[in-house]
Amino acid sequence: MQAIIDYLQGSVEELRLVRWPTQQQAIRLSVIVLVFIVANAAAFGLLDVLFNQILRLTIR
């Protein structure tokens, strides 16, 4: 039981040392991630359409 308490206390001490981002940094990084996700979704969607058309042409 003492090992669990020591672990939790150590975890709390480490969390106090973490340099948390400011609100502005968090928003900026979130926007970057969202733009990256949307760009990748669009790219994979276009590839899906392209490969689908190629497959349709080869099956006919």
C-alpha atoms as a PDB file:
ATOM      1  CA  MET A   1       0.000   0.000   0.000  1.00  0.00           C
ATOM      2  CA  GLN A   2       2.869   2.363   0.751  1.00  0.00           C
ATOM      3  CA  ALA A   3       4.247   1.823  -2.762  1.00  0.00           C
ATOM      4  CA  ILE A   4       0.994   3.125  -4.260  1.00  0.00           C
ATOM      5  CA  ILE A   5       1.031   6.196  -2.001  1.00  0.00           C
ATOM      6  CA  ASP A   6       4.686   6.879  -2.880  1.00  0.00           C
ATOM      7  CA  TYR A   7       3.867   6.535  -6.577  1.00  0.00           C
ATOM      8  CA  LEU A   8       0.938   8.961  -6.344  1.00  0.00           C
ATOM      9  CA  GLN A   9       2.964  11.484  -4.357  1.00  0.00           C
ATOM     10  CA  GLY A  10       5.780  11.267  -6.892  1.00  0.00           C
ATOM     11  CA  SER A  11       3.297  11.755  -9.718  1.00  0.00           C
ATOM     12  CA  VAL A  12       1.875  14.880  -8.109  1.00  0.00           C
ATOM     13  CA  GLU A  13       5.393  16.265  -7.582  1.00  0.00           C
ATOM     14  CA  GLU A  14       6.236  15.661 -11.258  1.00  0.00           C
ATOM     15  CA  LEU A  15       3.007  17.341 -12.384  1.00  0.00           C
ATOM     16  CA  ARG A  16       4.016  20.456 -10.449  1.00  0.00           C
ATOM     17  CA  LEU A  17       7.226  20.589 -12.512  1.00  0.00           C
ATOM     18  CA  VAL A  18       5.397  20.423 -15.852  1.00  0.00           C
ATOM     19  CA  ARG A  19       5.491  23.631 -17.875  1.00  0.00           C
ATOM     20  CA  TRP A  20       1.874  23.892 -18.984  1.00  0.00           C
ATOM     21  CA  PRO A  21       1.087  25.862 -22.170  1.00  0.00           C
ATOM     22  CA  THR A  22      -0.677  29.192 -21.942  1.00  0.00           C
ATOM     23  CA  GLN A  23      -4.229  29.469 -23.220  1.00  0.00           C
ATOM     24  CA  GLN A  24      -2.982  31.213 -26.370  1.00  0.00           C
ATOM     25  CA  GLN A  25      -0.435  28.453 -27.041  1.00  0.00           C
ATOM     26  CA  ALA A  26      -3.040  25.744 -26.453  1.00  0.00           C
ATOM     27  CA  ILE A  27      -5.482  27.397 -28.865  1.00  0.00           C
ATOM     28  CA  ARG A  28      -2.788  27.898 -31.524  1.00  0.00           C
ATOM     29  CA  LEU A  29      -1.616  24.286 -31.263  1.00  0.00           C
ATOM     30  CA  SER A  30      -5.209  23.013 -31.356  1.00  0.00           C
ATOM     31  CA  VAL A  31      -5.862  24.989 -34.539  1.00  0.00           C
ATOM     32  CA  ILE A  32      -2.704  23.554 -36.107  1.00  0.00           C
ATOM     33  CA  VAL A  33      -3.839  20.023 -35.256  1.00  0.00           C
ATOM     34  CA  LEU A  34      -7.341  20.631 -36.633  1.00  0.00           C
ATOM     35  CA  VAL A  35      -5.984  22.078 -39.890  1.00  0.00           C
ATOM     36  CA  PHE A  36      -3.666  19.088 -40.242  1.00  0.00           C
ATOM     37  CA  ILE A  37      -6.556  16.666 -39.653  1.00  0.00           C
ATOM     38  CA  VAL A  38      -8.817  18.402 -42.185  1.00  0.00           C
ATOM     39  CA  ALA A  39      -6.017  18.534 -44.787  1.00  0.00           C
ATOM     40  CA  ASN A  40      -5.293  14.835 -44.334  1.00  0.00           C
ATOM     41  CA  ALA A  41      -8.976  13.938 -44.497  1.00  0.00           C
ATOM     42  CA  ALA A  42      -9.297  15.887 -47.758  1.00  0.00           C
ATOM     43  CA  ALA A  43      -6.171  14.281 -49.221  1.00  0.00           C
ATOM     44  CA  PHE A  44      -7.288  10.762 -48.321  1.00  0.00           C
ATOM     45  CA  GLY A  45     -10.798  11.510 -49.590  1.00  0.00           C
ATOM     46  CA  LEU A  46      -9.394  12.630 -52.939  1.00  0.00           C
ATOM     47  CA  LEU A  47      -7.187   9.541 -53.124  1.00  0.00           C
ATOM     48  CA  ASP A  48     -10.205   7.381 -52.346  1.00  0.00           C
ATOM     49  CA  VAL A  49     -12.197   8.968 -55.172  1.00  0.00           C
ATOM     50  CA  LEU A  50      -9.248   8.664 -57.553  1.00  0.00           C
ATOM     51  CA  PHE A  51      -8.603   4.997 -56.759  1.00  0.00           C
ATOM     52  CA  ASN A  52     -12.334   4.274 -56.930  1.00  0.00           C
ATOM     53  CA  GLN A  53     -12.497   5.752 -60.444  1.00  0.00           C
ATOM     54  CA  ILE A  54      -9.388   3.827 -61.527  1.00  0.00           C
ATOM     55  CA  LEU A  55     -10.889   0.619 -60.174  1.00  0.00           C
ATOM     56  CA  ARG A  56     -14.185   1.245 -61.976  1.00  0.00           C
ATOM     57  CA  LEU A  57     -12.330   1.814 -65.254  1.00  0.00           C
ATOM     58  CA  THR A  58     -10.292  -1.376 -64.899  1.00  0.00           C
ATOM     59  CA  ILE A  59     -13.281  -3.560 -63.974  1.00  0.00           C
ATOM     60  CA  ARG A  60     -15.446  -2.471 -66.951  1.00  0.00           C
END
